[in-house]
Amino acid sequence: MDIEALIKEKIDVIRPYINRHGGDIEFDHFEDGYVFVKMGGACNGCAFVDTTLEYGVEELLMEEVPGVVGVILVE
């Protein structure tokens, strides 16, 4: 399995938790170890989006996908 497919698979695991709060997450691209994602729904403008990315999405992806060094939010 290639790295982008693995990233998408892991994001699909996280998505239901984000959906429960009215938000959504979408993979944009992977470059130089960074996963670029778009946040939608209630996540737009939410004060906790950075926390969700850092302590939820980024932590999981860095633990479970070799080569991931961080997550960056794309507008």
PDB file of N, CA and C in Angstrom:
ATOM      1  N   MET A   1       0.853  -1.178   0.000  1.00  0.00           N
ATOM      2  CA  MET A   1       0.000   0.000   0.000  1.00  0.00           C
ATOM      3  C   MET A   1       0.899   1.243   0.000  1.00  0.00           C
ATOM      4  N   ASP A   2       0.576   2.208  -0.861  1.00  0.00           N
ATOM      5  CA  ASP A   2       1.398   3.414  -0.890  1.00  0.00           C
ATOM      6  C   ASP A   2       1.025   4.330   0.268  1.00  0.00           C
ATOM      7  N   ILE A   3       1.892   5.283   0.555  1.00  0.00           N
ATOM      8  CA  ILE A   3       1.730   6.138   1.731  1.00  0.00           C
ATOM      9  C   ILE A   3       0.451   6.977   1.675  1.00  0.00           C
ATOM     10  N   GLU A   4       0.091   7.495   0.503  1.00  0.00           N
ATOM     11  CA  GLU A   4      -1.127   8.297   0.402  1.00  0.00           C
ATOM     12  C   GLU A   4      -2.373   7.452   0.683  1.00  0.00           C
ATOM     13  N   ALA A   5      -2.380   6.226   0.209  1.00  0.00           N
ATOM     14  CA  ALA A   5      -3.508   5.329   0.477  1.00  0.00           C
ATOM     15  C   ALA A   5      -3.608   5.033   1.974  1.00  0.00           C
ATOM     16  N   LEU A   6      -2.472   4.844   2.625  1.00  0.00           N
ATOM     17  CA  LEU A   6      -2.460   4.584   4.066  1.00  0.00           C
ATOM     18  C   LEU A   6      -2.941   5.816   4.832  1.00  0.00           C
ATOM     19  N   ILE A   7      -2.523   7.000   4.427  1.00  0.00           N
ATOM     20  CA  ILE A   7      -2.984   8.240   5.061  1.00  0.00           C
ATOM     21  C   ILE A   7      -4.498   8.362   4.927  1.00  0.00           C
ATOM     22  N   LYS A   8      -5.018   8.134   3.727  1.00  0.00           N
ATOM     23  CA  LYS A   8      -6.466   8.227   3.499  1.00  0.00           C
ATOM     24  C   LYS A   8      -7.221   7.213   4.351  1.00  0.00           C
ATOM     25  N   GLU A   9      -6.659   6.021   4.490  1.00  0.00           N
ATOM     26  CA  GLU A   9      -7.282   4.985   5.312  1.00  0.00           C
ATOM     27  C   GLU A   9      -7.370   5.431   6.768  1.00  0.00           C
ATOM     28  N   LYS A  10      -6.301   6.024   7.272  1.00  0.00           N
ATOM     29  CA  LYS A  10      -6.283   6.482   8.666  1.00  0.00           C
ATOM     30  C   LYS A  10      -7.211   7.671   8.869  1.00  0.00           C
ATOM     31  N   ILE A  11      -7.290   8.563   7.901  1.00  0.00           N
ATOM     32  CA  ILE A  11      -8.219   9.692   7.985  1.00  0.00           C
ATOM     33  C   ILE A  11      -9.659   9.183   8.008  1.00  0.00           C
ATOM     34  N   ASP A  12      -9.930   8.123   7.266  1.00  0.00           N
ATOM     35  CA  ASP A  12     -11.273   7.537   7.276  1.00  0.00           C
ATOM     36  C   ASP A  12     -11.635   6.977   8.655  1.00  0.00           C
ATOM     37  N   VAL A  13     -10.635   6.571   9.417  1.00  0.00           N
ATOM     38  CA  VAL A  13     -10.861   6.082  10.783  1.00  0.00           C
ATOM     39  C   VAL A  13     -11.225   7.255  11.704  1.00  0.00           C
ATOM     40  N   ILE A  14     -10.594   8.392  11.494  1.00  0.00           N
ATOM     41  CA  ILE A  14     -10.801   9.581  12.329  1.00  0.00           C
ATOM     42  C   ILE A  14     -12.107  10.302  11.981  1.00  0.00           C
ATOM     43  N   ARG A  15     -12.482  10.283  10.713  1.00  0.00           N
ATOM     44  CA  ARG A  15     -13.618  11.064  10.209  1.00  0.00           C
ATOM     45  C   ARG A  15     -14.904  10.908  11.035  1.00  0.00           C
ATOM     46  N   PRO A  16     -15.324   9.700  11.420  1.00  0.00           N
ATOM     47  CA  PRO A  16     -16.584   9.595  12.182  1.00  0.00           C
ATOM     48  C   PRO A  16     -16.572  10.381  13.496  1.00  0.00           C
ATOM     49  N   TYR A  17     -15.425  10.470  14.144  1.00  0.00           N
ATOM     50  CA  TYR A  17     -15.321  11.215  15.396  1.00  0.00           C
ATOM     51  C   TYR A  17     -15.482  12.714  15.141  1.00  0.00           C
ATOM     52  N   ILE A  18     -14.906  13.187  14.052  1.00  0.00           N
ATOM     53  CA  ILE A  18     -15.029  14.595  13.683  1.00  0.00           C
ATOM     54  C   ILE A  18     -16.454  14.888  13.211  1.00  0.00           C
ATOM     55  N   ASN A  19     -17.049  13.948  12.488  1.00  0.00           N
ATOM     56  CA  ASN A  19     -18.436  14.112  12.028  1.00  0.00           C
ATOM     57  C   ASN A  19     -19.416  14.232  13.191  1.00  0.00           C
ATOM     58  N   ARG A  20     -19.146  13.551  14.292  1.00  0.00           N
ATOM     59  CA  ARG A  20     -20.042  13.597  15.456  1.00  0.00           C
ATOM     60  C   ARG A  20     -20.194  15.003  16.025  1.00  0.00           C
ATOM     61  N   HIS A  21     -19.197  15.836  15.750  1.00  0.00           N
ATOM     62  CA  HIS A  21     -19.228  17.220  16.244  1.00  0.00           C
ATOM     63  C   HIS A  21     -19.611  18.190  15.128  1.00  0.00           C
ATOM     64  N   GLY A  22     -20.105  17.644  14.024  1.00  0.00           N
ATOM     65  CA  GLY A  22     -20.571  18.482  12.929  1.00  0.00           C
ATOM     66  C   GLY A  22     -19.494  18.897  11.944  1.00  0.00           C
ATOM     67  N   GLY A  23     -18.285  18.367  12.096  1.00  0.00           N
ATOM     68  CA  GLY A  23     -17.176  18.733  11.215  1.00  0.00           C
ATOM     69  C   GLY A  23     -16.867  17.656  10.204  1.00  0.00           C
ATOM     70  N   ASP A  24     -15.841  17.915   9.424  1.00  0.00           N
ATOM     71  CA  ASP A  24     -15.375  16.935   8.450  1.00  0.00           C
ATOM     72  C   ASP A  24     -13.898  17.187   8.174  1.00  0.00           C
ATOM     73  N   ILE A  25     -13.227  16.174   7.653  1.00  0.00           N
ATOM     74  CA  ILE A  25     -11.821  16.268   7.296  1.00  0.00           C
ATOM     75  C   ILE A  25     -11.626  15.641   5.932  1.00  0.00           C
ATOM     76  N   GLU A  26     -10.777  16.262   5.127  1.00  0.00           N
ATOM     77  CA  GLU A  26     -10.517  15.781   3.770  1.00  0.00           C
ATOM     78  C   GLU A  26      -9.014  15.834   3.497  1.00  0.00           C
ATOM     79  N   PHE A  27      -8.465  14.743   2.999  1.00  0.00           N
ATOM     80  CA  PHE A  27      -7.064  14.699   2.592  1.00  0.00           C
ATOM     81  C   PHE A  27      -6.878  15.574   1.361  1.00  0.00           C
ATOM     82  N   ASP A  28      -5.865  16.423   1.365  1.00  0.00           N
ATOM     83  CA  ASP A  28      -5.557  17.269   0.210  1.00  0.00           C
ATOM     84  C   ASP A  28      -4.356  16.702  -0.536  1.00  0.00           C
ATOM     85  N   HIS A  29      -3.198  16.641   0.143  1.00  0.00           N
ATOM     86  CA  HIS A  29      -2.022  16.034  -0.474  1.00  0.00           C
ATOM     87  C   HIS A  29      -0.957  15.751   0.582  1.00  0.00           C
ATOM     88  N   PHE A  30       0.079  15.033   0.171  1.00  0.00           N
ATOM     89  CA  PHE A  30       1.201  14.679   1.029  1.00  0.00           C
ATOM     90  C   PHE A  30       2.468  15.167   0.362  1.00  0.00           C
ATOM     91  N   GLU A  31       3.277  15.927   1.108  1.00  0.00           N
ATOM     92  CA  GLU A  31       4.499  16.491   0.524  1.00  0.00           C
ATOM     93  C   GLU A  31       5.569  16.663   1.602  1.00  0.00           C
ATOM     94  N   ASP A  32       6.763  16.150   1.339  1.00  0.00           N
ATOM     95  CA  ASP A  32       7.913  16.314   2.243  1.00  0.00           C
ATOM     96  C   ASP A  32       7.615  15.908   3.688  1.00  0.00           C
ATOM     97  N   GLY A  33       6.829  14.854   3.866  1.00  0.00           N
ATOM     98  CA  GLY A  33       6.517  14.359   5.199  1.00  0.00           C
ATOM     99  C   GLY A  33       5.302  14.993   5.840  1.00  0.00           C
ATOM    100  N   TYR A  34       4.736  15.997   5.208  1.00  0.00           N
ATOM    101  CA  TYR A  34       3.578  16.696   5.763  1.00  0.00           C
ATOM    102  C   TYR A  34       2.299  16.291   5.046  1.00  0.00           C
ATOM    103  N   VAL A  35       1.263  16.059   5.847  1.00  0.00           N
ATOM    104  CA  VAL A  35      -0.069  15.747   5.331  1.00  0.00           C
ATOM    105  C   VAL A  35      -0.863  17.050   5.344  1.00  0.00           C
ATOM    106  N   PHE A  36      -1.376  17.441   4.207  1.00  0.00           N
ATOM    107  CA  PHE A  36      -2.181  18.643   4.081  1.00  0.00           C
ATOM    108  C   PHE A  36      -3.649  18.221   4.053  1.00  0.00           C
ATOM    109  N   VAL A  37      -4.433  18.805   4.960  1.00  0.00           N
ATOM    110  CA  VAL A  37      -5.847  18.450   5.064  1.00  0.00           C
ATOM    111  C   VAL A  37      -6.716  19.703   5.041  1.00  0.00           C
ATOM    112  N   LYS A  38      -7.967  19.499   4.661  1.00  0.00           N
ATOM    113  CA  LYS A  38      -8.980  20.551   4.709  1.00  0.00           C
ATOM    114  C   LYS A  38      -9.996  20.137   5.758  1.00  0.00           C
ATOM    115  N   MET A  39     -10.418  21.092   6.563  1.00  0.00           N
ATOM    116  CA  MET A  39     -11.430  20.834   7.572  1.00  0.00           C
ATOM    117  C   MET A  39     -12.702  21.544   7.136  1.00  0.00           C
ATOM    118  N   GLY A  40     -13.835  20.877   7.266  1.00  0.00           N
ATOM    119  CA  GLY A  40     -15.091  21.453   6.824  1.00  0.00           C
ATOM    120  C   GLY A  40     -16.150  21.401   7.894  1.00  0.00           C
ATOM    121  N   GLY A  41     -17.339  21.819   7.528  1.00  0.00           N
ATOM    122  CA  GLY A  41     -18.472  21.809   8.452  1.00  0.00           C
ATOM    123  C   GLY A  41     -18.220  22.701   9.643  1.00  0.00           C
ATOM    124  N   ALA A  42     -18.548  22.214  10.821  1.00  0.00           N
ATOM    125  CA  ALA A  42     -18.410  22.990  12.050  1.00  0.00           C
ATOM    126  C   ALA A  42     -16.950  23.289  12.393  1.00  0.00           C
ATOM    127  N   CYS A  43     -16.010  22.611  11.758  1.00  0.00           N
ATOM    128  CA  CYS A  43     -14.587  22.863  12.015  1.00  0.00           C
ATOM    129  C   CYS A  43     -14.139  24.222  11.458  1.00  0.00           C
ATOM    130  N   ASN A  44     -14.830  24.708  10.437  1.00  0.00           N
ATOM    131  CA  ASN A  44     -14.500  26.022   9.883  1.00  0.00           C
ATOM    132  C   ASN A  44     -14.769  27.090  10.934  1.00  0.00           C
ATOM    133  N   GLY A  45     -13.728  27.784  11.326  1.00  0.00           N
ATOM    134  CA  GLY A  45     -13.864  28.847  12.306  1.00  0.00           C
ATOM    135  C   GLY A  45     -13.918  28.389  13.746  1.00  0.00           C
ATOM    136  N   CYS A  46     -13.829  27.093  13.980  1.00  0.00           N
ATOM    137  CA  CYS A  46     -13.874  26.569  15.346  1.00  0.00           C
ATOM    138  C   CYS A  46     -12.563  26.882  16.072  1.00  0.00           C
ATOM    139  N   ALA A  47     -12.674  27.312  17.315  1.00  0.00           N
ATOM    140  CA  ALA A  47     -11.497  27.660  18.115  1.00  0.00           C
ATOM    141  C   ALA A  47     -10.641  26.437  18.442  1.00  0.00           C
ATOM    142  N   PHE A  48     -11.208  25.246  18.311  1.00  0.00           N
ATOM    143  CA  PHE A  48     -10.490  24.034  18.694  1.00  0.00           C
ATOM    144  C   PHE A  48      -9.923  23.251  17.507  1.00  0.00           C
ATOM    145  N   VAL A  49      -9.988  23.808  16.310  1.00  0.00           N
ATOM    146  CA  VAL A  49      -9.517  23.075  15.132  1.00  0.00           C
ATOM    147  C   VAL A  49      -8.022  22.759  15.244  1.00  0.00           C
ATOM    148  N   ASP A  50      -7.226  23.673  15.781  1.00  0.00           N
ATOM    149  CA  ASP A  50      -5.794  23.416  15.933  1.00  0.00           C
ATOM    150  C   ASP A  50      -5.538  22.275  16.917  1.00  0.00           C
ATOM    151  N   THR A  51      -6.316  22.230  17.970  1.00  0.00           N
ATOM    152  CA  THR A  51      -6.187  21.157  18.959  1.00  0.00           C
ATOM    153  C   THR A  51      -6.568  19.817  18.346  1.00  0.00           C
ATOM    154  N   THR A  52      -7.651  19.810  17.583  1.00  0.00           N
ATOM    155  CA  THR A  52      -8.086  18.583  16.908  1.00  0.00           C
ATOM    156  C   THR A  52      -6.999  18.082  15.975  1.00  0.00           C
ATOM    157  N   LEU A  53      -6.406  18.993  15.220  1.00  0.00           N
ATOM    158  CA  LEU A  53      -5.354  18.591  14.284  1.00  0.00           C
ATOM    159  C   LEU A  53      -4.119  18.079  15.013  1.00  0.00           C
ATOM    160  N   GLU A  54      -3.664  18.808  16.020  1.00  0.00           N
ATOM    161  CA  GLU A  54      -2.418  18.450  16.696  1.00  0.00           C
ATOM    162  C   GLU A  54      -2.537  17.197  17.550  1.00  0.00           C
ATOM    163  N   TYR A  55      -3.583  17.135  18.373  1.00  0.00           N
ATOM    164  CA  TYR A  55      -3.685  16.034  19.333  1.00  0.00           C
ATOM    165  C   TYR A  55      -4.543  14.871  18.855  1.00  0.00           C
ATOM    166  N   GLY A  56      -5.188  15.024  17.740  1.00  0.00           N
ATOM    167  CA  GLY A  56      -5.985  13.937  17.187  1.00  0.00           C
ATOM    168  C   GLY A  56      -5.401  13.428  15.898  1.00  0.00           C
ATOM    169  N   VAL A  57      -5.534  14.210  14.865  1.00  0.00           N
ATOM    170  CA  VAL A  57      -5.127  13.801  13.520  1.00  0.00           C
ATOM    171  C   VAL A  57      -3.619  13.602  13.421  1.00  0.00           C
ATOM    172  N   GLU A  58      -2.854  14.618  13.809  1.00  0.00           N
ATOM    173  CA  GLU A  58      -1.396  14.547  13.669  1.00  0.00           C
ATOM    174  C   GLU A  58      -0.796  13.415  14.491  1.00  0.00           C
ATOM    175  N   GLU A  59      -1.238  13.289  15.739  1.00  0.00           N
ATOM    176  CA  GLU A  59      -0.710  12.224  16.594  1.00  0.00           C
ATOM    177  C   GLU A  59      -0.942  10.848  15.994  1.00  0.00           C
ATOM    178  N   LEU A  60      -2.155  10.600  15.529  1.00  0.00           N
ATOM    179  CA  LEU A  60      -2.477   9.298  14.940  1.00  0.00           C
ATOM    180  C   LEU A  60      -1.652   9.038  13.685  1.00  0.00           C
ATOM    181  N   LEU A  61      -1.601  10.018  12.803  1.00  0.00           N
ATOM    182  CA  LEU A  61      -0.880   9.811  11.545  1.00  0.00           C
ATOM    183  C   LEU A  61       0.619   9.630  11.774  1.00  0.00           C
ATOM    184  N   MET A  62       1.198  10.385  12.702  1.00  0.00           N
ATOM    185  CA  MET A  62       2.629  10.240  12.974  1.00  0.00           C
ATOM    186  C   MET A  62       2.948   8.883  13.595  1.00  0.00           C
ATOM    187  N   GLU A  63       2.027   8.350  14.392  1.00  0.00           N
ATOM    188  CA  GLU A  63       2.227   7.039  15.014  1.00  0.00           C
ATOM    189  C   GLU A  63       2.051   5.891  14.028  1.00  0.00           C
ATOM    190  N   GLU A  64       1.097   6.026  13.110  1.00  0.00           N
ATOM    191  CA  GLU A  64       0.696   4.878  12.305  1.00  0.00           C
ATOM    192  C   GLU A  64       1.129   4.912  10.838  1.00  0.00           C
ATOM    193  N   VAL A  65       1.660   6.043  10.385  1.00  0.00           N
ATOM    194  CA  VAL A  65       2.081   6.136   8.985  1.00  0.00           C
ATOM    195  C   VAL A  65       3.553   6.542   8.942  1.00  0.00           C
ATOM    196  N   PRO A  66       4.428   5.629   8.548  1.00  0.00           N
ATOM    197  CA  PRO A  66       5.850   5.948   8.479  1.00  0.00           C
ATOM    198  C   PRO A  66       6.091   7.101   7.508  1.00  0.00           C
ATOM    199  N   GLY A  67       6.917   8.043   7.943  1.00  0.00           N
ATOM    200  CA  GLY A  67       7.278   9.157   7.069  1.00  0.00           C
ATOM    201  C   GLY A  67       6.483  10.423   7.301  1.00  0.00           C
ATOM    202  N   VAL A  68       5.395  10.347   8.069  1.00  0.00           N
ATOM    203  CA  VAL A  68       4.618  11.539   8.369  1.00  0.00           C
ATOM    204  C   VAL A  68       5.284  12.286   9.528  1.00  0.00           C
ATOM    205  N   VAL A  69       5.566  13.573   9.324  1.00  0.00           N
ATOM    206  CA  VAL A  69       6.192  14.384  10.350  1.00  0.00           C
ATOM    207  C   VAL A  69       5.287  15.495  10.870  1.00  0.00           C
ATOM    208  N   GLY A  70       4.133  15.684  10.213  1.00  0.00           N
ATOM    209  CA  GLY A  70       3.213  16.715  10.683  1.00  0.00           C
ATOM    210  C   GLY A  70       1.996  16.820   9.793  1.00  0.00           C
ATOM    211  N   VAL A  71       1.033  17.626  10.269  1.00  0.00           N
ATOM    212  CA  VAL A  71      -0.196  17.867   9.539  1.00  0.00           C
ATOM    213  C   VAL A  71      -0.377  19.375   9.404  1.00  0.00           C
ATOM    214  N   ILE A  72      -0.742  19.816   8.219  1.00  0.00           N
ATOM    215  CA  ILE A  72      -0.934  21.232   7.937  1.00  0.00           C
ATOM    216  C   ILE A  72      -2.339  21.445   7.398  1.00  0.00           C
ATOM    217  N   LEU A  73      -3.014  22.463   7.966  1.00  0.00           N
ATOM    218  CA  LEU A  73      -4.358  22.815   7.540  1.00  0.00           C
ATOM    219  C   LEU A  73      -4.300  23.671   6.279  1.00  0.00           C
ATOM    220  N   VAL A  74      -5.071  23.290   5.277  1.00  0.00           N
ATOM    221  CA  VAL A  74      -5.180  24.035   4.017  1.00  0.00           C
ATOM    222  C   VAL A  74      -6.538  24.738   4.027  1.00  0.00           C
ATOM    223  N   GLU A  75      -6.541  25.992   3.644  1.00  0.00           N
ATOM    224  CA  GLU A  75      -7.813  26.751   3.589  1.00  0.00           C
ATOM    225  C   GLU A  75      -8.521  26.448   2.305  1.00  0.00           C
TER     226      GLU A  75
END
